[in-house]
Amino acid sequence: MELNKIAASILFSGLLIMIVSNVVDMLYSPEEYKIEHQTIVAVGSNEPQQKIEQVALDIGALMQNASFEKGKFAAKKCIACHSFEKGGANKVGPNLWNIVGNKKAHLGNSFNYSKAVLEKGGKWGYEELFAFLRNPKAYIKGTRMAFAGISNPQEVADLVSYLRQLSDNPVALPK
């Protein structure tokens, strides 16, 4: 009888956490994520004030300098939920073979995508992957992906470089 009480309290705790998480997601809706600009703050030694400058996030330059090996290392963050090999099994998330340049719900009926991903539509181009990997919940509101995102643009480029190579016919790099 005592074991049943413990199991029930664990299940109840999980349910309570899930409900609170969904309520918070409904109450907090961040603005649409934009990848066109990011803020760089530079502090000069001769100037006491900070200069704030808007610069374009140059995905082409980041991808030209991207490292496949660093991307393979960064992909270890994803391995708990995704598989990467050709014909690999789906886990909590879909298999990521041939994702770059493919449609967002690329596995069709063989994976149960969230309604938000299905409604988003389109293809996983470089800009879309950058926006999604930097902040998945902001790029596709309602996605089931629990990953918080990668803040370092070069790390995102490295990961996308790795994902790009997971294909029989890799997509050309952006200019």
N, C-alpha and C. Protein backbone atom coordinates (compact mmCIF):
# COMPACT_ATOMS: atom_id res chain seq x y z
N MET A 1 0.83 -1.20 0.00
CA MET A 1 0.00 0.00 0.00
C MET A 1 0.87 1.25 0.00
N GLU A 2 1.97 1.19 0.74
CA GLU A 2 2.86 2.34 0.82
C GLU A 2 3.49 2.64 -0.55
N LEU A 3 3.80 1.61 -1.29
CA LEU A 3 4.40 1.76 -2.62
C LEU A 3 3.42 2.44 -3.58
N ASN A 4 2.14 2.14 -3.45
CA ASN A 4 1.13 2.80 -4.28
C ASN A 4 1.05 4.29 -3.98
N LYS A 5 1.16 4.66 -2.73
CA LYS A 5 1.12 6.08 -2.36
C LYS A 5 2.32 6.81 -2.95
N ILE A 6 3.48 6.19 -2.91
CA ILE A 6 4.69 6.82 -3.46
C ILE A 6 4.55 6.99 -4.97
N ALA A 7 4.10 5.94 -5.65
CA ALA A 7 3.92 6.02 -7.11
C ALA A 7 2.89 7.08 -7.47
N ALA A 8 1.80 7.15 -6.72
CA ALA A 8 0.76 8.15 -6.99
C ALA A 8 1.30 9.56 -6.79
N SER A 9 2.11 9.78 -5.76
CA SER A 9 2.65 11.12 -5.52
C SER A 9 3.63 11.52 -6.61
N ILE A 10 4.40 10.58 -7.13
CA ILE A 10 5.32 10.89 -8.23
C ILE A 10 4.53 11.25 -9.49
N LEU A 11 3.51 10.45 -9.81
CA LEU A 11 2.68 10.75 -10.98
C LEU A 11 1.96 12.09 -10.83
N PHE A 12 1.44 12.36 -9.65
CA PHE A 12 0.76 13.62 -9.40
C PHE A 12 1.72 14.79 -9.56
N SER A 13 2.95 14.65 -9.07
CA SER A 13 3.95 15.72 -9.20
C SER A 13 4.26 15.99 -10.67
N GLY A 14 4.42 14.94 -11.45
CA GLY A 14 4.69 15.10 -12.88
C GLY A 14 3.54 15.79 -13.59
N LEU A 15 2.31 15.41 -13.26
CA LEU A 15 1.13 16.02 -13.85
C LEU A 15 1.05 17.50 -13.47
N LEU A 16 1.32 17.81 -12.22
CA LEU A 16 1.28 19.19 -11.75
C LEU A 16 2.33 20.04 -12.47
N ILE A 17 3.52 19.52 -12.65
CA ILE A 17 4.57 20.24 -13.36
C ILE A 17 4.15 20.50 -14.80
N MET A 18 3.56 19.51 -15.45
CA MET A 18 3.12 19.65 -16.83
C MET A 18 2.02 20.71 -16.94
N ILE A 19 1.09 20.73 -16.02
CA ILE A 19 -0.01 21.70 -16.05
C ILE A 19 0.54 23.11 -15.84
N VAL A 20 1.42 23.28 -14.86
CA VAL A 20 2.01 24.60 -14.60
C VAL A 20 2.79 25.07 -15.82
N SER A 21 3.54 24.18 -16.45
CA SER A 21 4.31 24.54 -17.64
C SER A 21 3.40 25.02 -18.77
N ASN A 22 2.29 24.33 -18.99
CA ASN A 22 1.35 24.73 -20.04
C ASN A 22 0.68 26.06 -19.73
N VAL A 23 0.34 26.29 -18.48
CA VAL A 23 -0.27 27.56 -18.09
C VAL A 23 0.71 28.71 -18.31
N VAL A 24 1.98 28.51 -17.93
CA VAL A 24 3.00 29.54 -18.14
C VAL A 24 3.18 29.81 -19.62
N ASP A 25 3.19 28.76 -20.46
CA ASP A 25 3.33 28.95 -21.91
C ASP A 25 2.15 29.74 -22.47
N MET A 26 0.95 29.54 -21.94
CA MET A 26 -0.20 30.29 -22.42
C MET A 26 -0.13 31.75 -21.99
N LEU A 27 0.36 32.01 -20.80
CA LEU A 27 0.43 33.37 -20.29
C LEU A 27 1.58 34.16 -20.90
N TYR A 28 2.69 33.51 -21.15
CA TYR A 28 3.87 34.18 -21.67
C TYR A 28 4.02 33.84 -23.14
N SER A 29 3.86 34.83 -23.99
CA SER A 29 4.05 34.60 -25.42
C SER A 29 5.06 35.62 -25.95
N PRO A 30 6.31 35.20 -26.14
CA PRO A 30 7.34 36.12 -26.60
C PRO A 30 7.06 36.59 -28.03
N GLU A 31 7.65 37.74 -28.38
CA GLU A 31 7.50 38.27 -29.72
C GLU A 31 8.14 37.32 -30.73
N GLU A 32 7.74 37.46 -31.98
CA GLU A 32 8.30 36.64 -33.05
C GLU A 32 9.81 36.86 -33.10
N TYR A 33 10.54 35.78 -33.15
CA TYR A 33 12.00 35.84 -33.16
C TYR A 33 12.48 36.31 -34.53
N LYS A 34 13.38 37.26 -34.55
CA LYS A 34 13.94 37.77 -35.80
C LYS A 34 15.44 37.56 -35.78
N ILE A 35 15.98 37.07 -36.91
CA ILE A 35 17.41 36.80 -36.96
C ILE A 35 18.17 37.85 -37.76
N GLU A 36 17.47 38.87 -38.23
CA GLU A 36 18.13 39.84 -39.09
C GLU A 36 19.21 40.63 -38.35
N HIS A 37 18.99 40.94 -37.08
CA HIS A 37 19.92 41.79 -36.34
C HIS A 37 20.17 41.23 -34.96
N GLN A 38 21.34 41.52 -34.46
CA GLN A 38 21.60 41.25 -33.06
C GLN A 38 22.36 42.44 -32.51
N THR A 39 22.30 42.65 -31.22
CA THR A 39 22.92 43.79 -30.60
C THR A 39 24.31 43.42 -30.12
N ILE A 40 25.27 44.27 -30.46
CA ILE A 40 26.63 44.10 -29.96
C ILE A 40 26.96 45.32 -29.13
N VAL A 41 27.40 45.11 -27.92
CA VAL A 41 27.76 46.21 -27.04
C VAL A 41 29.28 46.25 -26.95
N ALA A 42 29.85 47.40 -27.33
CA ALA A 42 31.30 47.57 -27.28
C ALA A 42 31.63 48.69 -26.32
N VAL A 43 32.59 48.45 -25.45
CA VAL A 43 33.01 49.45 -24.48
C VAL A 43 34.45 49.82 -24.81
N GLY A 44 34.66 51.08 -25.16
CA GLY A 44 36.01 51.56 -25.47
C GLY A 44 36.70 52.03 -24.20
N SER A 45 38.03 51.91 -24.19
CA SER A 45 38.78 52.33 -22.99
C SER A 45 38.82 53.84 -22.86
N ASN A 46 38.72 54.57 -23.98
CA ASN A 46 38.76 56.04 -23.94
C ASN A 46 37.39 56.65 -23.72
N GLU A 47 36.37 55.88 -23.94
CA GLU A 47 35.02 56.40 -23.83
C GLU A 47 34.30 55.76 -22.66
N PRO A 48 33.77 56.56 -21.75
CA PRO A 48 33.08 55.99 -20.59
C PRO A 48 31.71 55.42 -20.93
N GLN A 49 31.11 55.84 -22.06
CA GLN A 49 29.78 55.36 -22.41
C GLN A 49 29.87 54.12 -23.29
N GLN A 50 28.84 53.34 -23.25
CA GLN A 50 28.77 52.16 -24.10
C GLN A 50 28.16 52.55 -25.44
N LYS A 51 28.68 51.93 -26.51
CA LYS A 51 28.11 52.12 -27.84
C LYS A 51 27.31 50.88 -28.18
N ILE A 52 26.12 51.09 -28.65
CA ILE A 52 25.29 49.98 -29.05
C ILE A 52 25.12 50.07 -30.56
N GLU A 53 25.47 48.98 -31.24
CA GLU A 53 25.46 48.97 -32.69
C GLU A 53 24.67 47.77 -33.19
N GLN A 54 23.82 47.99 -34.16
CA GLN A 54 23.07 46.91 -34.77
C GLN A 54 23.86 46.39 -35.97
N VAL A 55 24.07 45.10 -36.02
CA VAL A 55 24.77 44.50 -37.16
C VAL A 55 23.96 43.33 -37.67
N ALA A 56 24.06 43.10 -38.95
CA ALA A 56 23.34 41.98 -39.54
C ALA A 56 24.05 40.68 -39.19
N LEU A 57 23.29 39.66 -38.88
CA LEU A 57 23.84 38.34 -38.62
C LEU A 57 24.09 37.70 -39.99
N ASP A 58 25.33 37.62 -40.39
CA ASP A 58 25.70 37.13 -41.71
C ASP A 58 25.83 35.62 -41.67
N ILE A 59 24.75 34.94 -42.01
CA ILE A 59 24.71 33.48 -41.96
C ILE A 59 25.69 32.89 -42.96
N GLY A 60 25.83 33.52 -44.13
CA GLY A 60 26.77 33.03 -45.13
C GLY A 60 28.19 33.00 -44.61
N ALA A 61 28.62 34.07 -43.97
CA ALA A 61 29.99 34.12 -43.42
C ALA A 61 30.15 33.12 -42.28
N LEU A 62 29.13 33.00 -41.44
CA LEU A 62 29.21 32.03 -40.34
C LEU A 62 29.32 30.61 -40.89
N MET A 63 28.57 30.32 -41.95
CA MET A 63 28.61 28.97 -42.52
C MET A 63 29.94 28.70 -43.23
N GLN A 64 30.54 29.72 -43.83
CA GLN A 64 31.83 29.54 -44.49
C GLN A 64 32.90 29.18 -43.47
N ASN A 65 32.77 29.70 -42.25
CA ASN A 65 33.75 29.45 -41.19
C ASN A 65 33.34 28.31 -40.26
N ALA A 66 32.24 27.66 -40.56
CA ALA A 66 31.72 26.60 -39.69
C ALA A 66 32.60 25.36 -39.73
N SER A 67 32.64 24.68 -38.61
CA SER A 67 33.46 23.47 -38.46
C SER A 67 32.56 22.25 -38.32
N PHE A 68 32.74 21.30 -39.23
CA PHE A 68 31.99 20.04 -39.18
C PHE A 68 32.26 19.32 -37.87
N GLU A 69 33.53 19.26 -37.45
CA GLU A 69 33.90 18.54 -36.21
C GLU A 69 33.28 19.19 -34.97
N LYS A 70 33.31 20.52 -34.91
CA LYS A 70 32.68 21.21 -33.78
C LYS A 70 31.17 20.99 -33.80
N GLY A 71 30.59 20.94 -35.01
CA GLY A 71 29.16 20.68 -35.15
C GLY A 71 28.80 19.28 -34.69
N LYS A 72 29.66 18.32 -34.99
CA LYS A 72 29.42 16.94 -34.55
C LYS A 72 29.45 16.87 -33.02
N PHE A 73 30.35 17.64 -32.41
CA PHE A 73 30.43 17.70 -30.95
C PHE A 73 29.17 18.38 -30.39
N ALA A 74 28.74 19.48 -31.03
CA ALA A 74 27.54 20.20 -30.58
C ALA A 74 26.29 19.33 -30.70
N ALA A 75 26.28 18.41 -31.66
CA ALA A 75 25.12 17.54 -31.88
C ALA A 75 24.91 16.57 -30.73
N LYS A 76 25.91 16.43 -29.86
CA LYS A 76 25.74 15.55 -28.69
C LYS A 76 24.62 16.05 -27.77
N LYS A 77 24.31 17.35 -27.87
CA LYS A 77 23.20 17.90 -27.09
C LYS A 77 21.86 17.34 -27.58
N CYS A 78 21.85 16.92 -28.83
CA CYS A 78 20.61 16.50 -29.49
C CYS A 78 20.38 15.00 -29.45
N ILE A 79 21.43 14.24 -29.14
CA ILE A 79 21.41 12.79 -29.30
C ILE A 79 20.40 12.09 -28.38
N ALA A 80 20.03 12.71 -27.29
CA ALA A 80 19.04 12.09 -26.39
C ALA A 80 17.66 12.01 -27.05
N CYS A 81 17.37 12.96 -27.94
CA CYS A 81 16.04 13.01 -28.55
C CYS A 81 16.01 12.71 -30.04
N HIS A 82 17.15 12.79 -30.71
CA HIS A 82 17.19 12.61 -32.17
C HIS A 82 18.24 11.59 -32.57
N SER A 83 17.99 10.90 -33.68
CA SER A 83 19.01 10.05 -34.30
C SER A 83 19.47 10.76 -35.56
N PHE A 84 20.66 10.42 -36.03
CA PHE A 84 21.25 11.14 -37.15
C PHE A 84 21.57 10.26 -38.36
N GLU A 85 21.57 8.95 -38.20
CA GLU A 85 21.98 8.07 -39.29
C GLU A 85 20.86 7.89 -40.31
N LYS A 86 21.26 7.59 -41.53
CA LYS A 86 20.30 7.38 -42.62
C LYS A 86 19.40 6.20 -42.27
N GLY A 87 18.11 6.44 -42.32
CA GLY A 87 17.14 5.40 -41.99
C GLY A 87 17.04 5.12 -40.50
N GLY A 88 17.63 5.99 -39.69
CA GLY A 88 17.61 5.81 -38.24
C GLY A 88 16.21 5.93 -37.66
N ALA A 89 16.05 5.33 -36.51
CA ALA A 89 14.75 5.34 -35.83
C ALA A 89 14.45 6.71 -35.24
N ASN A 90 13.19 7.05 -35.17
CA ASN A 90 12.76 8.26 -34.48
C ASN A 90 12.84 8.00 -32.99
N LYS A 91 13.16 9.03 -32.24
CA LYS A 91 13.15 8.94 -30.78
C LYS A 91 12.04 9.87 -30.31
N VAL A 92 12.29 10.63 -29.28
CA VAL A 92 11.32 11.64 -28.85
C VAL A 92 11.14 12.66 -29.97
N GLY A 93 12.23 12.97 -30.67
CA GLY A 93 12.20 13.84 -31.84
C GLY A 93 12.47 13.02 -33.10
N PRO A 94 12.25 13.63 -34.27
CA PRO A 94 12.43 12.89 -35.52
C PRO A 94 13.91 12.66 -35.85
N ASN A 95 14.16 11.67 -36.71
CA ASN A 95 15.49 11.43 -37.25
C ASN A 95 15.90 12.67 -38.07
N LEU A 96 17.15 13.11 -37.96
CA LEU A 96 17.58 14.35 -38.60
C LEU A 96 18.40 14.14 -39.87
N TRP A 97 18.41 12.92 -40.42
CA TRP A 97 19.12 12.69 -41.68
C TRP A 97 18.42 13.49 -42.78
N ASN A 98 19.19 14.21 -43.58
CA ASN A 98 18.69 14.96 -44.73
C ASN A 98 17.68 16.03 -44.33
N ILE A 99 17.94 16.75 -43.23
CA ILE A 99 17.02 17.77 -42.74
C ILE A 99 17.21 19.11 -43.46
N VAL A 100 18.47 19.48 -43.76
CA VAL A 100 18.75 20.78 -44.37
C VAL A 100 18.22 20.81 -45.79
N GLY A 101 17.33 21.77 -46.07
CA GLY A 101 16.73 21.91 -47.39
C GLY A 101 15.46 21.08 -47.56
N ASN A 102 15.13 20.28 -46.58
CA ASN A 102 13.95 19.43 -46.65
C ASN A 102 12.77 20.15 -45.99
N LYS A 103 11.54 19.66 -46.22
CA LYS A 103 10.38 20.30 -45.59
C LYS A 103 10.41 20.08 -44.08
N LYS A 104 9.75 20.97 -43.36
CA LYS A 104 9.81 20.97 -41.89
C LYS A 104 9.31 19.66 -41.29
N ALA A 105 8.24 19.12 -41.79
CA ALA A 105 7.74 17.82 -41.31
C ALA A 105 8.19 16.77 -42.31
N HIS A 106 9.50 16.60 -42.44
CA HIS A 106 10.09 15.82 -43.52
C HIS A 106 9.82 14.32 -43.46
N LEU A 107 9.41 13.80 -42.32
CA LEU A 107 9.16 12.37 -42.21
C LEU A 107 7.70 12.00 -42.44
N GLY A 108 6.88 12.99 -42.70
CA GLY A 108 5.46 12.73 -42.98
C GLY A 108 4.76 12.04 -41.84
N ASN A 109 4.09 10.93 -42.15
CA ASN A 109 3.29 10.21 -41.15
C ASN A 109 4.11 9.28 -40.26
N SER A 110 5.41 9.12 -40.54
CA SER A 110 6.20 8.20 -39.73
C SER A 110 6.66 8.84 -38.41
N PHE A 111 6.34 10.14 -38.20
CA PHE A 111 6.62 10.80 -36.93
C PHE A 111 5.43 11.67 -36.59
N ASN A 112 5.08 11.70 -35.31
CA ASN A 112 3.93 12.48 -34.84
C ASN A 112 4.39 13.91 -34.51
N TYR A 113 4.42 14.78 -35.52
CA TYR A 113 4.82 16.17 -35.34
C TYR A 113 3.74 16.94 -34.59
N SER A 114 4.16 17.98 -33.89
CA SER A 114 3.20 18.84 -33.21
C SER A 114 2.40 19.61 -34.26
N LYS A 115 1.22 20.03 -33.88
CA LYS A 115 0.35 20.79 -34.77
C LYS A 115 1.05 22.07 -35.22
N ALA A 116 1.83 22.68 -34.32
CA ALA A 116 2.54 23.93 -34.64
C ALA A 116 3.54 23.73 -35.77
N VAL A 117 4.29 22.62 -35.75
CA VAL A 117 5.26 22.34 -36.81
C VAL A 117 4.55 22.09 -38.12
N LEU A 118 3.47 21.35 -38.08
CA LEU A 118 2.71 21.06 -39.30
C LEU A 118 2.13 22.33 -39.91
N GLU A 119 1.66 23.25 -39.06
CA GLU A 119 1.08 24.50 -39.55
C GLU A 119 2.15 25.46 -40.06
N LYS A 120 3.36 25.40 -39.49
CA LYS A 120 4.44 26.31 -39.90
C LYS A 120 4.78 26.09 -41.37
N GLY A 121 4.90 24.84 -41.77
CA GLY A 121 5.18 24.53 -43.17
C GLY A 121 6.52 25.07 -43.64
N GLY A 122 6.77 24.97 -44.92
CA GLY A 122 8.01 25.47 -45.50
C GLY A 122 9.15 24.46 -45.38
N LYS A 123 10.33 24.93 -45.71
CA LYS A 123 11.52 24.08 -45.69
C LYS A 123 12.51 24.55 -44.64
N TRP A 124 13.40 23.64 -44.24
CA TRP A 124 14.48 23.96 -43.30
C TRP A 124 15.66 24.52 -44.07
N GLY A 125 15.58 25.78 -44.45
CA GLY A 125 16.71 26.48 -45.05
C GLY A 125 17.65 26.94 -43.96
N TYR A 126 18.74 27.57 -44.34
CA TYR A 126 19.73 28.02 -43.35
C TYR A 126 19.15 29.04 -42.38
N GLU A 127 18.38 30.02 -42.88
CA GLU A 127 17.81 31.04 -42.01
C GLU A 127 16.83 30.42 -41.01
N GLU A 128 16.01 29.49 -41.50
CA GLU A 128 15.03 28.85 -40.64
C GLU A 128 15.70 28.00 -39.55
N LEU A 129 16.74 27.26 -39.94
CA LEU A 129 17.46 26.46 -38.95
C LEU A 129 18.14 27.33 -37.91
N PHE A 130 18.74 28.45 -38.34
CA PHE A 130 19.37 29.36 -37.39
C PHE A 130 18.35 29.88 -36.39
N ALA A 131 17.21 30.35 -36.88
CA ALA A 131 16.18 30.88 -35.99
C ALA A 131 15.66 29.82 -35.04
N PHE A 132 15.42 28.62 -35.56
CA PHE A 132 14.88 27.54 -34.73
C PHE A 132 15.89 27.08 -33.68
N LEU A 133 17.14 26.89 -34.08
CA LEU A 133 18.14 26.39 -33.13
C LEU A 133 18.53 27.43 -32.09
N ARG A 134 18.36 28.70 -32.40
CA ARG A 134 18.66 29.74 -31.41
C ARG A 134 17.54 29.83 -30.37
N ASN A 135 16.28 29.61 -30.79
CA ASN A 135 15.17 29.67 -29.84
C ASN A 135 13.96 28.93 -30.42
N PRO A 136 13.90 27.61 -30.23
CA PRO A 136 12.83 26.81 -30.85
C PRO A 136 11.42 27.26 -30.48
N LYS A 137 11.19 27.58 -29.22
CA LYS A 137 9.83 27.94 -28.77
C LYS A 137 9.38 29.27 -29.35
N ALA A 138 10.32 30.18 -29.63
CA ALA A 138 9.94 31.46 -30.21
C ALA A 138 9.73 31.33 -31.72
N TYR A 139 10.50 30.49 -32.39
CA TYR A 139 10.38 30.33 -33.84
C TYR A 139 9.11 29.56 -34.21
N ILE A 140 8.82 28.49 -33.47
CA ILE A 140 7.59 27.72 -33.70
C ILE A 140 6.85 27.64 -32.37
N LYS A 141 5.96 28.60 -32.17
CA LYS A 141 5.19 28.63 -30.93
C LYS A 141 4.30 27.40 -30.87
N GLY A 142 4.41 26.65 -29.79
CA GLY A 142 3.62 25.44 -29.64
C GLY A 142 4.38 24.17 -29.99
N THR A 143 5.67 24.30 -30.32
CA THR A 143 6.45 23.10 -30.62
C THR A 143 6.61 22.27 -29.35
N ARG A 144 6.73 20.96 -29.53
CA ARG A 144 6.93 20.08 -28.38
C ARG A 144 8.40 20.02 -27.99
N MET A 145 9.27 20.56 -28.81
CA MET A 145 10.70 20.49 -28.52
C MET A 145 11.00 21.30 -27.27
N ALA A 146 11.59 20.64 -26.27
CA ALA A 146 11.84 21.29 -24.99
C ALA A 146 13.21 21.95 -24.92
N PHE A 147 14.02 21.83 -25.95
CA PHE A 147 15.37 22.39 -25.98
C PHE A 147 15.30 23.91 -25.92
N ALA A 148 16.13 24.53 -25.07
CA ALA A 148 16.09 25.98 -24.87
C ALA A 148 16.71 26.76 -26.02
N GLY A 149 17.63 26.17 -26.74
CA GLY A 149 18.27 26.87 -27.85
C GLY A 149 19.75 27.07 -27.60
N ILE A 150 20.45 27.54 -28.64
CA ILE A 150 21.89 27.79 -28.58
C ILE A 150 22.09 29.28 -28.83
N SER A 151 22.71 29.98 -27.89
CA SER A 151 22.86 31.42 -28.01
C SER A 151 24.04 31.84 -28.90
N ASN A 152 25.06 31.02 -29.01
CA ASN A 152 26.25 31.37 -29.78
C ASN A 152 26.01 31.11 -31.27
N PRO A 153 26.00 32.17 -32.11
CA PRO A 153 25.73 31.98 -33.54
C PRO A 153 26.74 31.06 -34.24
N GLN A 154 28.00 31.09 -33.82
CA GLN A 154 28.99 30.23 -34.47
C GLN A 154 28.75 28.76 -34.12
N GLU A 155 28.29 28.49 -32.90
CA GLU A 155 27.96 27.12 -32.53
C GLU A 155 26.76 26.61 -33.33
N VAL A 156 25.80 27.49 -33.58
CA VAL A 156 24.66 27.13 -34.41
C VAL A 156 25.15 26.81 -35.83
N ALA A 157 26.05 27.65 -36.35
CA ALA A 157 26.60 27.42 -37.69
C ALA A 157 27.34 26.09 -37.76
N ASP A 158 28.10 25.77 -36.72
CA ASP A 158 28.82 24.49 -36.68
C ASP A 158 27.83 23.32 -36.70
N LEU A 159 26.77 23.43 -35.91
CA LEU A 159 25.76 22.37 -35.86
C LEU A 159 25.05 22.23 -37.21
N VAL A 160 24.71 23.34 -37.83
CA VAL A 160 24.05 23.30 -39.13
C VAL A 160 25.00 22.72 -40.18
N SER A 161 26.30 23.03 -40.07
CA SER A 161 27.29 22.45 -40.98
C SER A 161 27.30 20.93 -40.86
N TYR A 162 27.23 20.44 -39.64
CA TYR A 162 27.17 18.99 -39.41
C TYR A 162 25.89 18.41 -40.00
N LEU A 163 24.75 19.05 -39.72
CA LEU A 163 23.47 18.56 -40.23
C LEU A 163 23.43 18.59 -41.76
N ARG A 164 24.09 19.59 -42.35
CA ARG A 164 24.15 19.71 -43.81
C ARG A 164 24.82 18.50 -44.43
N GLN A 165 25.83 17.97 -43.76
CA GLN A 165 26.57 16.83 -44.30
C GLN A 165 25.82 15.50 -44.16
N LEU A 166 24.76 15.50 -43.36
CA LEU A 166 23.97 14.29 -43.17
C LEU A 166 22.97 14.16 -44.30
N SER A 167 23.48 13.96 -45.49
CA SER A 167 22.64 13.86 -46.67
C SER A 167 23.43 13.21 -47.79
N ASP A 168 22.72 12.53 -48.69
CA ASP A 168 23.38 11.98 -49.87
C ASP A 168 23.74 13.09 -50.85
N ASN A 169 23.02 14.20 -50.78
CA ASN A 169 23.23 15.33 -51.68
C ASN A 169 23.13 16.62 -50.88
N PRO A 170 24.21 17.05 -50.16
CA PRO A 170 24.15 18.24 -49.30
C PRO A 170 23.78 19.52 -50.07
N VAL A 171 22.99 20.36 -49.42
CA VAL A 171 22.55 21.63 -49.98
C VAL A 171 23.74 22.57 -50.06
N ALA A 172 23.79 23.41 -51.09
CA ALA A 172 24.89 24.37 -51.26
C ALA A 172 24.89 25.36 -50.10
N LEU A 173 26.07 25.82 -49.75
CA LEU A 173 26.21 26.81 -48.68
C LEU A 173 25.62 28.15 -49.12
N PRO A 174 25.10 28.93 -48.18
CA PRO A 174 24.57 30.25 -48.54
C PRO A 174 25.73 31.19 -48.88
N LYS A 175 25.42 32.19 -49.68
CA LYS A 175 26.46 33.16 -50.08
C LYS A 175 26.53 34.28 -49.09
